[in-house]
């Protein structure tokens, strides 16, 4: 699989003292953006959703709170670990 696309991920961390949250944006990460098949949509969402994208990262990504795709912050619907890669499923706009 060729990883020609690039996205950024946003992770949030909480400060233990006051409960404040800070967000950190990563650099550009290599990925492949694809649509989902009907079977995968049924397994994840329980219904068919045609506007869903799968973001296949080249390596494992530890924590994903948001994905910046086309300068839009999107919350992942599911985060799957596939072999040595991470697959994040987000809704398209």
PDB file of N, CA and C in Angstrom:
ATOM      1  N   UNK A   1       0.846  -1.167   0.000  1.00  0.00           N
ATOM      2  CA  UNK A   1       0.000   0.000   0.000  1.00  0.00           C
ATOM      3  C   UNK A   1       0.896   1.235   0.000  1.00  0.00           C
ATOM      4  N   UNK A   2       0.564   2.189  -0.817  1.00  0.00           N
ATOM      5  CA  UNK A   2       1.331   3.432  -0.875  1.00  0.00           C
ATOM      6  C   UNK A   2       0.707   4.456   0.065  1.00  0.00           C
ATOM      7  N   UNK A   3       1.535   5.065   0.847  1.00  0.00           N
ATOM      8  CA  UNK A   3       1.095   6.065   1.812  1.00  0.00           C
ATOM      9  C   UNK A   3       1.418   7.442   1.261  1.00  0.00           C
ATOM     10  N   UNK A   4       0.612   7.913   0.309  1.00  0.00           N
ATOM     11  CA  UNK A   4       0.865   9.175  -0.369  1.00  0.00           C
ATOM     12  C   UNK A   4       0.175  10.357   0.285  1.00  0.00           C
ATOM     13  N   UNK A   5      -0.765  10.122   1.180  1.00  0.00           N
ATOM     14  CA  UNK A   5      -1.510  11.211   1.815  1.00  0.00           C
ATOM     15  C   UNK A   5      -0.836  11.606   3.119  1.00  0.00           C
ATOM     16  N   UNK A   6      -1.157  12.810   3.588  1.00  0.00           N
ATOM     17  CA  UNK A   6      -0.597  13.312   4.846  1.00  0.00           C
ATOM     18  C   UNK A   6      -1.710  13.927   5.673  1.00  0.00           C
ATOM     19  N   UNK A   7      -1.740  13.602   6.958  1.00  0.00           N
ATOM     20  CA  UNK A   7      -2.676  14.205   7.905  1.00  0.00           C
ATOM     21  C   UNK A   7      -1.922  14.502   9.198  1.00  0.00           C
ATOM     22  N   UNK A   8      -2.549  15.296  10.043  1.00  0.00           N
ATOM     23  CA  UNK A   8      -2.023  15.560  11.378  1.00  0.00           C
ATOM     24  C   UNK A   8      -3.000  14.993  12.393  1.00  0.00           C
ATOM     25  N   UNK A   9      -2.485  14.595  13.554  1.00  0.00           N
ATOM     26  CA  UNK A   9      -3.362  14.140  14.627  1.00  0.00           C
ATOM     27  C   UNK A   9      -3.225  15.090  15.810  1.00  0.00           C
ATOM     28  N   UNK A  10      -4.301  15.193  16.571  1.00  0.00           N
ATOM     29  CA  UNK A  10      -4.330  16.041  17.755  1.00  0.00           C
ATOM     30  C   UNK A  10      -4.571  15.140  18.955  1.00  0.00           C
ATOM     31  N   UNK A  11      -3.723  15.278  19.965  1.00  0.00           N
ATOM     32  CA  UNK A  11      -3.897  14.534  21.211  1.00  0.00           C
ATOM     33  C   UNK A  11      -4.068  15.534  22.342  1.00  0.00           C
ATOM     34  N   UNK A  12      -4.895  15.207  23.310  1.00  0.00           N
ATOM     35  CA  UNK A  12      -5.106  16.069  24.467  1.00  0.00           C
ATOM     36  C   UNK A  12      -4.588  15.372  25.709  1.00  0.00           C
ATOM     37  N   UNK A  13      -3.985  16.154  26.569  1.00  0.00           N
ATOM     38  CA  UNK A  13      -3.479  15.641  27.837  1.00  0.00           C
ATOM     39  C   UNK A  13      -4.046  16.498  28.961  1.00  0.00           C
ATOM     40  N   UNK A  14      -4.279  15.882  30.105  1.00  0.00           N
ATOM     41  CA  UNK A  14      -4.815  16.597  31.259  1.00  0.00           C
ATOM     42  C   UNK A  14      -3.711  16.857  32.265  1.00  0.00           C
ATOM     43  N   UNK A  15      -3.777  18.032  32.855  1.00  0.00           N
ATOM     44  CA  UNK A  15      -2.871  18.386  33.935  1.00  0.00           C
ATOM     45  C   UNK A  15      -3.467  17.845  35.227  1.00  0.00           C
ATOM     46  N   UNK A  16      -2.690  17.087  35.985  1.00  0.00           N
ATOM     47  CA  UNK A  16      -3.213  16.449  37.190  1.00  0.00           C
ATOM     48  C   UNK A  16      -3.564  17.448  38.290  1.00  0.00           C
ATOM     49  N   UNK A  17      -2.872  18.580  38.336  1.00  0.00           N
ATOM     50  CA  UNK A  17      -3.086  19.511  39.442  1.00  0.00           C
ATOM     51  C   UNK A  17      -4.422  20.232  39.353  1.00  0.00           C
ATOM     52  N   UNK A  18      -4.731  20.807  38.200  1.00  0.00           N
ATOM     53  CA  UNK A  18      -5.917  21.638  38.079  1.00  0.00           C
ATOM     54  C   UNK A  18      -6.967  21.070  37.131  1.00  0.00           C
ATOM     55  N   UNK A  19      -6.670  20.012  36.436  1.00  0.00           N
ATOM     56  CA  UNK A  19      -7.626  19.443  35.505  1.00  0.00           C
ATOM     57  C   UNK A  19      -7.670  20.156  34.169  1.00  0.00           C
ATOM     58  N   UNK A  20      -6.692  21.015  33.910  1.00  0.00           N
ATOM     59  CA  UNK A  20      -6.630  21.705  32.626  1.00  0.00           C
ATOM     60  C   UNK A  20      -6.196  20.737  31.536  1.00  0.00           C
ATOM     61  N   UNK A  21      -6.682  20.972  30.329  1.00  0.00           N
ATOM     62  CA  UNK A  21      -6.299  20.130  29.204  1.00  0.00           C
ATOM     63  C   UNK A  21      -5.499  20.956  28.212  1.00  0.00           C
ATOM     64  N   UNK A  22      -4.495  20.321  27.647  1.00  0.00           N
ATOM     65  CA  UNK A  22      -3.699  20.948  26.595  1.00  0.00           C
ATOM     66  C   UNK A  22      -3.721  20.024  25.389  1.00  0.00           C
ATOM     67  N   UNK A  23      -3.767  20.613  24.214  1.00  0.00           N
ATOM     68  CA  UNK A  23      -3.780  19.804  23.005  1.00  0.00           C
ATOM     69  C   UNK A  23      -2.466  19.986  22.268  1.00  0.00           C
ATOM     70  N   UNK A  24      -1.983  18.904  21.698  1.00  0.00           N
ATOM     71  CA  UNK A  24      -0.738  18.913  20.938  1.00  0.00           C
ATOM     72  C   UNK A  24      -1.019  18.383  19.545  1.00  0.00           C
ATOM     73  N   UNK A  25      -0.547  19.107  18.543  1.00  0.00           N
ATOM     74  CA  UNK A  25      -0.732  18.712  17.146  1.00  0.00           C
ATOM     75  C   UNK A  25       0.567  18.121  16.634  1.00  0.00           C
ATOM     76  N   UNK A  26       0.480  17.000  15.967  1.00  0.00           N
ATOM     77  CA  UNK A  26       1.666  16.317  15.455  1.00  0.00           C
ATOM     78  C   UNK A  26       2.130  16.955  14.145  1.00  0.00           C
ATOM     79  N   UNK A  27       3.271  16.507  13.676  1.00  0.00           N
ATOM     80  CA  UNK A  27       3.723  16.875  12.338  1.00  0.00           C
ATOM     81  C   UNK A  27       2.906  16.087  11.331  1.00  0.00           C
ATOM     82  N   UNK A  28       3.181  16.280  10.061  1.00  0.00           N
ATOM     83  CA  UNK A  28       2.484  15.536   9.017  1.00  0.00           C
ATOM     84  C   UNK A  28       2.865  14.069   9.107  1.00  0.00           C
ATOM     85  N   UNK A  29       1.878  13.188   9.143  1.00  0.00           N
ATOM     86  CA  UNK A  29       2.100  11.743   9.221  1.00  0.00           C
ATOM     87  C   UNK A  29       1.695  11.094   7.904  1.00  0.00           C
ATOM     88  N   UNK A  30       2.501  10.141   7.460  1.00  0.00           N
ATOM     89  CA  UNK A  30       2.202   9.415   6.223  1.00  0.00           C
ATOM     90  C   UNK A  30       1.005   8.500   6.449  1.00  0.00           C
ATOM     91  N   UNK A  31       0.074   8.525   5.501  1.00  0.00           N
ATOM     92  CA  UNK A  31      -1.123   7.707   5.627  1.00  0.00           C
ATOM     93  C   UNK A  31      -1.710   7.457   4.253  1.00  0.00           C
ATOM     94  N   UNK A  32      -2.704   6.602   4.214  1.00  0.00           N
ATOM     95  CA  UNK A  32      -3.481   6.332   3.004  1.00  0.00           C
ATOM     96  C   UNK A  32      -4.946   6.509   3.375  1.00  0.00           C
ATOM     97  N   UNK A  33      -5.668   7.329   2.632  1.00  0.00           N
ATOM     98  CA  UNK A  33      -7.081   7.599   2.914  1.00  0.00           C
ATOM     99  C   UNK A  33      -7.930   6.854   1.898  1.00  0.00           C
ATOM    100  N   UNK A  34      -8.817   6.004   2.388  1.00  0.00           N
ATOM    101  CA  UNK A  34      -9.683   5.217   1.520  1.00  0.00           C
ATOM    102  C   UNK A  34     -11.115   5.296   2.031  1.00  0.00           C
ATOM    103  N   UNK A  35     -12.040   4.881   1.200  1.00  0.00           N
ATOM    104  CA  UNK A  35     -13.424   4.729   1.628  1.00  0.00           C
ATOM    105  C   UNK A  35     -13.601   3.382   2.286  1.00  0.00           C
ATOM    106  N   UNK A  36     -14.766   3.138   2.833  1.00  0.00           N
ATOM    107  CA  UNK A  36     -15.028   1.864   3.497  1.00  0.00           C
ATOM    108  C   UNK A  36     -16.024   1.046   2.700  1.00  0.00           C
ATOM    109  N   UNK A  37     -15.877  -0.240   2.804  1.00  0.00           N
ATOM    110  CA  UNK A  37     -16.816  -1.136   2.142  1.00  0.00           C
ATOM    111  C   UNK A  37     -18.109  -1.223   2.955  1.00  0.00           C
ATOM    112  N   UNK A  38     -19.124  -1.771   2.363  1.00  0.00           N
ATOM    113  CA  UNK A  38     -20.406  -1.914   3.037  1.00  0.00           C
ATOM    114  C   UNK A  38     -20.280  -2.819   4.258  1.00  0.00           C
ATOM    115  N   UNK A  39     -19.505  -3.889   4.146  1.00  0.00           N
ATOM    116  CA  UNK A  39     -19.332  -4.825   5.256  1.00  0.00           C
ATOM    117  C   UNK A  39     -18.653  -4.155   6.443  1.00  0.00           C
ATOM    118  N   UNK A  40     -17.620  -3.345   6.195  1.00  0.00           N
ATOM    119  CA  UNK A  40     -16.922  -2.662   7.279  1.00  0.00           C
ATOM    120  C   UNK A  40     -17.844  -1.636   7.938  1.00  0.00           C
ATOM    121  N   UNK A  41     -18.644  -0.929   7.161  1.00  0.00           N
ATOM    122  CA  UNK A  41     -19.593   0.026   7.723  1.00  0.00           C
ATOM    123  C   UNK A  41     -20.593  -0.681   8.632  1.00  0.00           C
ATOM    124  N   UNK A  42     -21.072  -1.842   8.239  1.00  0.00           N
ATOM    125  CA  UNK A  42     -22.034  -2.586   9.040  1.00  0.00           C
ATOM    126  C   UNK A  42     -21.411  -3.047  10.352  1.00  0.00           C
ATOM    127  N   UNK A  43     -20.143  -3.448  10.322  1.00  0.00           N
ATOM    128  CA  UNK A  43     -19.480  -3.928  11.535  1.00  0.00           C
ATOM    129  C   UNK A  43     -19.204  -2.799  12.521  1.00  0.00           C
ATOM    130  N   UNK A  44     -18.835  -1.623  12.019  1.00  0.00           N
ATOM    131  CA  UNK A  44     -18.459  -0.528  12.900  1.00  0.00           C
ATOM    132  C   UNK A  44     -19.674   0.268  13.354  1.00  0.00           C
ATOM    133  N   UNK A  45     -20.550   0.630  12.427  1.00  0.00           N
ATOM    134  CA  UNK A  45     -21.636   1.539  12.749  1.00  0.00           C
ATOM    135  C   UNK A  45     -22.975   0.849  12.944  1.00  0.00           C
ATOM    136  N   UNK A  46     -23.137  -0.383  12.495  1.00  0.00           N
ATOM    137  CA  UNK A  46     -24.408  -1.067  12.606  1.00  0.00           C
ATOM    138  C   UNK A  46     -25.376  -0.667  11.519  1.00  0.00           C
ATOM    139  N   UNK A  47     -24.988   0.260  10.676  1.00  0.00           N
ATOM    140  CA  UNK A  47     -25.795   0.668   9.532  1.00  0.00           C
ATOM    141  C   UNK A  47     -24.829   1.144   8.456  1.00  0.00           C
ATOM    142  N   UNK A  48     -25.331   1.289   7.276  1.00  0.00           N
ATOM    143  CA  UNK A  48     -24.476   1.711   6.166  1.00  0.00           C
ATOM    144  C   UNK A  48     -24.350   3.225   6.150  1.00  0.00           C
ATOM    145  N   UNK A  49     -23.142   3.730   6.252  1.00  0.00           N
ATOM    146  CA  UNK A  49     -22.867   5.149   6.176  1.00  0.00           C
ATOM    147  C   UNK A  49     -21.889   5.364   5.033  1.00  0.00           C
ATOM    148  N   UNK A  50     -22.308   6.088   4.013  1.00  0.00           N
ATOM    149  CA  UNK A  50     -21.485   6.202   2.818  1.00  0.00           C
ATOM    150  C   UNK A  50     -20.423   7.282   2.912  1.00  0.00           C
ATOM    151  N   UNK A  51     -20.518   8.171   3.887  1.00  0.00           N
ATOM    152  CA  UNK A  51     -19.562   9.264   3.968  1.00  0.00           C
ATOM    153  C   UNK A  51     -18.472   9.011   5.003  1.00  0.00           C
ATOM    154  N   UNK A  52     -17.993   7.802   5.097  1.00  0.00           N
ATOM    155  CA  UNK A  52     -16.971   7.433   6.066  1.00  0.00           C
ATOM    156  C   UNK A  52     -15.651   7.186   5.349  1.00  0.00           C
ATOM    157  N   UNK A  53     -14.570   7.669   5.962  1.00  0.00           N
ATOM    158  CA  UNK A  53     -13.234   7.472   5.416  1.00  0.00           C
ATOM    159  C   UNK A  53     -12.388   6.688   6.406  1.00  0.00           C
ATOM    160  N   UNK A  54     -11.507   5.864   5.880  1.00  0.00           N
ATOM    161  CA  UNK A  54     -10.540   5.145   6.704  1.00  0.00           C
ATOM    162  C   UNK A  54      -9.166   5.748   6.451  1.00  0.00           C
ATOM    163  N   UNK A  55      -8.495   6.119   7.520  1.00  0.00           N
ATOM    164  CA  UNK A  55      -7.149   6.675   7.439  1.00  0.00           C
ATOM    165  C   UNK A  55      -6.194   5.591   7.927  1.00  0.00           C
ATOM    166  N   UNK A  56      -5.396   5.045   7.008  1.00  0.00           N
ATOM    167  CA  UNK A  56      -4.438   3.980   7.321  1.00  0.00           C
ATOM    168  C   UNK A  56      -3.084   4.623   7.586  1.00  0.00           C
ATOM    169  N   UNK A  57      -2.631   4.593   8.829  1.00  0.00           N
ATOM    170  CA  UNK A  57      -1.314   5.127   9.150  1.00  0.00           C
ATOM    171  C   UNK A  57      -0.254   4.070   8.891  1.00  0.00           C
ATOM    172  N   UNK A  58       0.938   4.520   8.533  1.00  0.00           N
ATOM    173  CA  UNK A  58       2.013   3.599   8.166  1.00  0.00           C
ATOM    174  C   UNK A  58       2.525   2.828   9.379  1.00  0.00           C
ATOM    175  N   UNK A  59       2.530   3.444  10.534  1.00  0.00           N
ATOM    176  CA  UNK A  59       3.008   2.806  11.756  1.00  0.00           C
ATOM    177  C   UNK A  59       1.908   2.862  12.801  1.00  0.00           C
ATOM    178  N   UNK A  60       2.187   2.299  13.975  1.00  0.00           N
ATOM    179  CA  UNK A  60       1.220   2.367  15.062  1.00  0.00           C
ATOM    180  C   UNK A  60       1.202   3.774  15.639  1.00  0.00           C
ATOM    181  N   UNK A  61       0.014   4.251  15.914  1.00  0.00           N
ATOM    182  CA  UNK A  61      -0.182   5.552  16.536  1.00  0.00           C
ATOM    183  C   UNK A  61      -0.779   5.294  17.910  1.00  0.00           C
ATOM    184  N   UNK A  62      -0.142   5.825  18.944  1.00  0.00           N
ATOM    185  CA  UNK A  62      -0.531   5.485  20.307  1.00  0.00           C
ATOM    186  C   UNK A  62      -1.893   6.053  20.695  1.00  0.00           C
ATOM    187  N   UNK A  63      -2.075   7.353  20.554  1.00  0.00           N
ATOM    188  CA  UNK A  63      -3.317   7.978  21.017  1.00  0.00           C
ATOM    189  C   UNK A  63      -3.789   8.962  19.956  1.00  0.00           C
ATOM    190  N   UNK A  64      -5.035   8.828  19.550  1.00  0.00           N
ATOM    191  CA  UNK A  64      -5.629   9.714  18.547  1.00  0.00           C
ATOM    192  C   UNK A  64      -6.923  10.270  19.119  1.00  0.00           C
ATOM    193  N   UNK A  65      -6.945  11.576  19.395  1.00  0.00           N
ATOM    194  CA  UNK A  65      -8.174  12.221  19.854  1.00  0.00           C
ATOM    195  C   UNK A  65      -8.916  12.863  18.686  1.00  0.00           C
ATOM    196  N   UNK A  66      -8.178  13.472  17.775  1.00  0.00           N
ATOM    197  CA  UNK A  66      -8.756  14.087  16.577  1.00  0.00           C
ATOM    198  C   UNK A  66      -7.816  13.890  15.408  1.00  0.00           C
ATOM    199  N   UNK A  67      -8.365  13.920  14.205  1.00  0.00           N
ATOM    200  CA  UNK A  67      -7.581  13.852  12.977  1.00  0.00           C
ATOM    201  C   UNK A  67      -7.831  15.137  12.201  1.00  0.00           C
ATOM    202  N   UNK A  68      -6.756  15.830  11.810  1.00  0.00           N
ATOM    203  CA  UNK A  68      -6.881  17.032  10.986  1.00  0.00           C
ATOM    204  C   UNK A  68      -6.790  16.619   9.529  1.00  0.00           C
ATOM    205  N   UNK A  69      -7.927  16.655   8.860  1.00  0.00           N
ATOM    206  CA  UNK A  69      -8.015  16.249   7.460  1.00  0.00           C
ATOM    207  C   UNK A  69      -8.623  17.405   6.683  1.00  0.00           C
ATOM    208  N   UNK A  70      -7.899  17.957   5.734  1.00  0.00           N
ATOM    209  CA  UNK A  70      -8.327  19.135   4.967  1.00  0.00           C
ATOM    210  C   UNK A  70      -8.635  20.303   5.893  1.00  0.00           C
ATOM    211  N   UNK A  71      -7.796  20.494   6.904  1.00  0.00           N
ATOM    212  CA  UNK A  71      -7.926  21.579   7.883  1.00  0.00           C
ATOM    213  C   UNK A  71      -9.223  21.526   8.668  1.00  0.00           C
ATOM    214  N   UNK A  72      -9.820  20.358   8.785  1.00  0.00           N
ATOM    215  CA  UNK A  72     -11.028  20.154   9.588  1.00  0.00           C
ATOM    216  C   UNK A  72     -10.702  19.121  10.661  1.00  0.00           C
ATOM    217  N   UNK A  73     -10.997  19.471  11.923  1.00  0.00           N
ATOM    218  CA  UNK A  73     -10.731  18.556  13.029  1.00  0.00           C
ATOM    219  C   UNK A  73     -11.884  17.569  13.136  1.00  0.00           C
ATOM    220  N   UNK A  74     -11.581  16.278  12.988  1.00  0.00           N
ATOM    221  CA  UNK A  74     -12.618  15.233  13.010  1.00  0.00           C
ATOM    222  C   UNK A  74     -12.332  14.230  14.114  1.00  0.00           C
ATOM    223  N   UNK A  75     -13.363  13.892  14.855  1.00  0.00           N
ATOM    224  CA  UNK A  75     -13.232  12.908  15.935  1.00  0.00           C
ATOM    225  C   UNK A  75     -13.347  11.516  15.352  1.00  0.00           C
ATOM    226  N   UNK A  76     -12.430  10.628  15.713  1.00  0.00           N
ATOM    227  CA  UNK A  76     -12.507   9.264  15.171  1.00  0.00           C
ATOM    228  C   UNK A  76     -13.700   8.495  15.717  1.00  0.00           C
ATOM    229  N   UNK A  77     -14.329   7.731  14.830  1.00  0.00           N
ATOM    230  CA  UNK A  77     -15.440   6.874  15.226  1.00  0.00           C
ATOM    231  C   UNK A  77     -14.927   5.551  15.777  1.00  0.00           C
ATOM    232  N   UNK A  78     -13.813   5.089  15.225  1.00  0.00           N
ATOM    233  CA  UNK A  78     -13.192   3.845  15.679  1.00  0.00           C
ATOM    234  C   UNK A  78     -11.699   3.911  15.394  1.00  0.00           C
ATOM    235  N   UNK A  79     -10.901   3.307  16.263  1.00  0.00           N
ATOM    236  CA  UNK A  79      -9.452   3.205  16.071  1.00  0.00           C
ATOM    237  C   UNK A  79      -9.103   1.726  16.137  1.00  0.00           C
ATOM    238  N   UNK A  80      -8.610   1.201  15.037  1.00  0.00           N
ATOM    239  CA  UNK A  80      -8.311  -0.220  14.937  1.00  0.00           C
ATOM    240  C   UNK A  80      -6.807  -0.428  14.771  1.00  0.00           C
ATOM    241  N   UNK A  81      -6.290  -1.478  15.388  1.00  0.00           N
ATOM    242  CA  UNK A  81      -4.894  -1.858  15.200  1.00  0.00           C
ATOM    243  C   UNK A  81      -4.861  -3.028  14.226  1.00  0.00           C
ATOM    244  N   UNK A  82      -4.235  -2.817  13.074  1.00  0.00           N
ATOM    245  CA  UNK A  82      -4.161  -3.847  12.043  1.00  0.00           C
ATOM    246  C   UNK A  82      -2.704  -4.137  11.749  1.00  0.00           C
ATOM    247  N   UNK A  83      -2.269  -5.320  12.139  1.00  0.00           N
ATOM    248  CA  UNK A  83      -0.869  -5.720  12.004  1.00  0.00           C
ATOM    249  C   UNK A  83       0.023  -4.690  12.676  1.00  0.00           C
ATOM    250  N   UNK A  84       0.901  -4.033  11.915  1.00  0.00           N
ATOM    251  CA  UNK A  84       1.779  -3.021  12.505  1.00  0.00           C
ATOM    252  C   UNK A  84       1.295  -1.620  12.190  1.00  0.00           C
ATOM    253  N   UNK A  85       0.050  -1.476  11.774  1.00  0.00           N
ATOM    254  CA  UNK A  85      -0.506  -0.194  11.388  1.00  0.00           C
ATOM    255  C   UNK A  85      -1.707   0.158  12.247  1.00  0.00           C
ATOM    256  N   UNK A  86      -2.079   1.421  12.181  1.00  0.00           N
ATOM    257  CA  UNK A  86      -3.277   1.904  12.864  1.00  0.00           C
ATOM    258  C   UNK A  86      -4.261   2.401  11.814  1.00  0.00           C
ATOM    259  N   UNK A  87      -5.516   2.014  11.938  1.00  0.00           N
ATOM    260  CA  UNK A  87      -6.570   2.470  11.040  1.00  0.00           C
ATOM    261  C   UNK A  87      -7.561   3.280  11.856  1.00  0.00           C
ATOM    262  N   UNK A  88      -7.781   4.522  11.447  1.00  0.00           N
ATOM    263  CA  UNK A  88      -8.705   5.417  12.124  1.00  0.00           C
ATOM    264  C   UNK A  88      -9.867   5.684  11.181  1.00  0.00           C
ATOM    265  N   UNK A  89     -11.092   5.514  11.668  1.00  0.00           N
ATOM    266  CA  UNK A  89     -12.272   5.717  10.849  1.00  0.00           C
ATOM    267  C   UNK A  89     -12.922   7.033  11.262  1.00  0.00           C
ATOM    268  N   UNK A  90     -13.062   7.942  10.277  1.00  0.00           N
ATOM    269  CA  UNK A  90     -13.649   9.255  10.531  1.00  0.00           C
ATOM    270  C   UNK A  90     -14.764   9.494   9.520  1.00  0.00           C
ATOM    271  N   UNK A  91     -15.671  10.406   9.866  1.00  0.00           N
ATOM    272  CA  UNK A  91     -16.730  10.772   8.939  1.00  0.00           C
ATOM    273  C   UNK A  91     -16.244  11.880   8.031  1.00  0.00           C
ATOM    274  N   UNK A  92     -16.595  11.794   6.759  1.00  0.00           N
ATOM    275  CA  UNK A  92     -16.247  12.835   5.793  1.00  0.00           C
ATOM    276  C   UNK A  92     -17.243  13.974   5.905  1.00  0.00           C
ATOM    277  N   UNK A  93     -16.823  15.144   5.448  1.00  0.00           N
ATOM    278  CA  UNK A  93     -17.708  16.303   5.498  1.00  0.00           C
ATOM    279  C   UNK A  93     -18.376  16.462   4.155  1.00  0.00           C
TER     280      UNK A  93
END
